[in-house]
Amino acid sequence: MEALRTLTRQPEPAQWAKAFWPMVAVAVAAMLDQSTRGPSVTTLLLTAAFG
């Protein structure tokens, strides 16, 4: 039963925000890619973040 309690534990708000906001940022970048004619916005953001 200990494993069941661990799996059903509610995430804390800080943990939820850590997962939610990056997902929103990626979704916005993907939408911007569809509305630009020039270079890919997603590629520019990923290059700036990881390059």
N, C-alpha and C. Protein backbone atom coordinates (compact mmCIF):
# COMPACT_ATOMS: atom_id res chain seq x y z
N MET A 1 0.80 -1.20 0.00
CA MET A 1 0.00 0.00 0.00
C MET A 1 0.85 1.27 0.00
N GLU A 2 2.06 1.15 0.45
CA GLU A 2 2.92 2.34 0.49
C GLU A 2 3.15 2.89 -0.92
N ALA A 3 3.35 2.01 -1.90
CA ALA A 3 3.56 2.46 -3.28
C ALA A 3 2.32 3.16 -3.82
N LEU A 4 1.16 2.67 -3.46
CA LEU A 4 -0.08 3.28 -3.92
C LEU A 4 -0.22 4.70 -3.38
N ARG A 5 0.12 4.90 -2.13
CA ARG A 5 0.04 6.25 -1.55
C ARG A 5 1.05 7.18 -2.20
N THR A 6 2.21 6.68 -2.55
CA THR A 6 3.23 7.50 -3.20
C THR A 6 2.78 7.93 -4.59
N LEU A 7 2.13 7.03 -5.31
CA LEU A 7 1.70 7.33 -6.68
C LEU A 7 0.51 8.28 -6.72
N THR A 8 -0.32 8.28 -5.70
CA THR A 8 -1.51 9.12 -5.73
C THR A 8 -1.32 10.44 -4.98
N ARG A 9 -0.12 10.74 -4.55
CA ARG A 9 0.15 11.98 -3.83
C ARG A 9 -0.02 13.17 -4.76
N GLN A 10 -0.65 14.22 -4.26
CA GLN A 10 -0.86 15.44 -5.05
C GLN A 10 0.46 16.22 -5.15
N PRO A 11 0.79 16.71 -6.35
CA PRO A 11 2.02 17.51 -6.47
C PRO A 11 1.87 18.87 -5.79
N GLU A 12 2.96 19.38 -5.30
CA GLU A 12 2.95 20.70 -4.69
C GLU A 12 2.84 21.75 -5.79
N PRO A 13 2.32 22.94 -5.48
CA PRO A 13 2.18 23.98 -6.51
C PRO A 13 3.49 24.34 -7.20
N ALA A 14 4.59 24.35 -6.48
CA ALA A 14 5.88 24.68 -7.10
C ALA A 14 6.29 23.61 -8.11
N GLN A 15 6.04 22.35 -7.80
CA GLN A 15 6.37 21.27 -8.74
C GLN A 15 5.47 21.36 -9.98
N TRP A 16 4.21 21.68 -9.76
CA TRP A 16 3.28 21.81 -10.87
C TRP A 16 3.70 22.94 -11.80
N ALA A 17 4.10 24.06 -11.22
CA ALA A 17 4.51 25.22 -12.03
C ALA A 17 5.78 24.92 -12.80
N LYS A 18 6.70 24.15 -12.22
CA LYS A 18 7.93 23.78 -12.92
C LYS A 18 7.64 23.00 -14.19
N ALA A 19 6.58 22.21 -14.19
CA ALA A 19 6.22 21.42 -15.37
C ALA A 19 5.32 22.21 -16.32
N PHE A 20 4.47 23.07 -15.78
CA PHE A 20 3.46 23.74 -16.60
C PHE A 20 4.01 24.87 -17.44
N TRP A 21 4.79 25.78 -16.86
CA TRP A 21 5.24 26.96 -17.59
C TRP A 21 6.17 26.66 -18.75
N PRO A 22 7.11 25.73 -18.63
CA PRO A 22 7.90 25.38 -19.83
C PRO A 22 7.04 24.82 -20.96
N MET A 23 6.02 24.05 -20.60
CA MET A 23 5.13 23.50 -21.62
C MET A 23 4.37 24.62 -22.33
N VAL A 24 3.94 25.63 -21.59
CA VAL A 24 3.25 26.77 -22.18
C VAL A 24 4.20 27.53 -23.11
N ALA A 25 5.45 27.71 -22.67
CA ALA A 25 6.43 28.42 -23.50
C ALA A 25 6.68 27.70 -24.81
N VAL A 26 6.78 26.38 -24.78
CA VAL A 26 6.99 25.60 -26.01
C VAL A 26 5.76 25.71 -26.91
N ALA A 27 4.58 25.69 -26.33
CA ALA A 27 3.36 25.81 -27.14
C ALA A 27 3.28 27.18 -27.82
N VAL A 28 3.63 28.23 -27.09
CA VAL A 28 3.62 29.58 -27.68
C VAL A 28 4.66 29.68 -28.79
N ALA A 29 5.84 29.13 -28.57
CA ALA A 29 6.88 29.16 -29.61
C ALA A 29 6.42 28.40 -30.85
N ALA A 30 5.75 27.28 -30.67
CA ALA A 30 5.25 26.52 -31.82
C ALA A 30 4.18 27.31 -32.58
N MET A 31 3.32 28.04 -31.86
CA MET A 31 2.32 28.86 -32.53
C MET A 31 2.97 30.01 -33.28
N LEU A 32 4.02 30.59 -32.70
CA LEU A 32 4.71 31.67 -33.38
C LEU A 32 5.38 31.19 -34.67
N ASP A 33 5.84 29.95 -34.66
CA ASP A 33 6.45 29.39 -35.87
C ASP A 33 5.46 29.39 -37.04
N GLN A 34 4.21 29.19 -36.74
CA GLN A 34 3.20 29.14 -37.80
C GLN A 34 2.88 30.52 -38.36
N SER A 35 3.22 31.57 -37.63
CA SER A 35 2.83 32.91 -38.06
C SER A 35 4.00 33.76 -38.54
N THR A 36 5.18 33.18 -38.68
CA THR A 36 6.34 33.96 -39.13
C THR A 36 6.78 33.50 -40.51
N ARG A 37 7.32 34.40 -41.28
CA ARG A 37 7.84 34.06 -42.61
C ARG A 37 9.34 33.81 -42.58
N GLY A 38 10.01 34.43 -41.65
CA GLY A 38 11.47 34.34 -41.58
C GLY A 38 11.94 33.06 -40.93
N PRO A 39 13.05 33.15 -40.23
CA PRO A 39 13.60 31.96 -39.59
C PRO A 39 12.65 31.43 -38.50
N SER A 40 12.78 30.17 -38.21
CA SER A 40 11.94 29.52 -37.22
C SER A 40 12.17 30.11 -35.84
N VAL A 41 11.10 30.57 -35.20
CA VAL A 41 11.20 31.15 -33.86
C VAL A 41 11.64 30.08 -32.87
N THR A 42 11.11 28.88 -33.02
CA THR A 42 11.49 27.79 -32.11
C THR A 42 12.97 27.49 -32.22
N THR A 43 13.49 27.46 -33.43
CA THR A 43 14.91 27.20 -33.62
C THR A 43 15.76 28.30 -32.99
N LEU A 44 15.33 29.54 -33.16
CA LEU A 44 16.07 30.65 -32.55
C LEU A 44 16.07 30.55 -31.02
N LEU A 45 14.91 30.23 -30.44
CA LEU A 45 14.82 30.11 -28.99
C LEU A 45 15.65 28.94 -28.47
N LEU A 46 15.57 27.81 -29.15
CA LEU A 46 16.35 26.65 -28.70
C LEU A 46 17.85 26.89 -28.85
N THR A 47 18.24 27.57 -29.91
CA THR A 47 19.65 27.89 -30.09
C THR A 47 20.14 28.85 -29.01
N ALA A 48 19.31 29.82 -28.67
CA ALA A 48 19.68 30.75 -27.62
C ALA A 48 19.74 30.07 -26.25
N ALA A 49 18.84 29.13 -26.02
CA ALA A 49 18.79 28.47 -24.72
C ALA A 49 19.89 27.43 -24.54
N PHE A 50 20.16 26.67 -25.58
CA PHE A 50 21.09 25.54 -25.45
C PHE A 50 22.38 25.70 -26.24
N GLY A 51 22.48 26.77 -27.00
CA GLY A 51 23.64 26.95 -27.85
C GLY A 51 24.69 27.67 -27.17
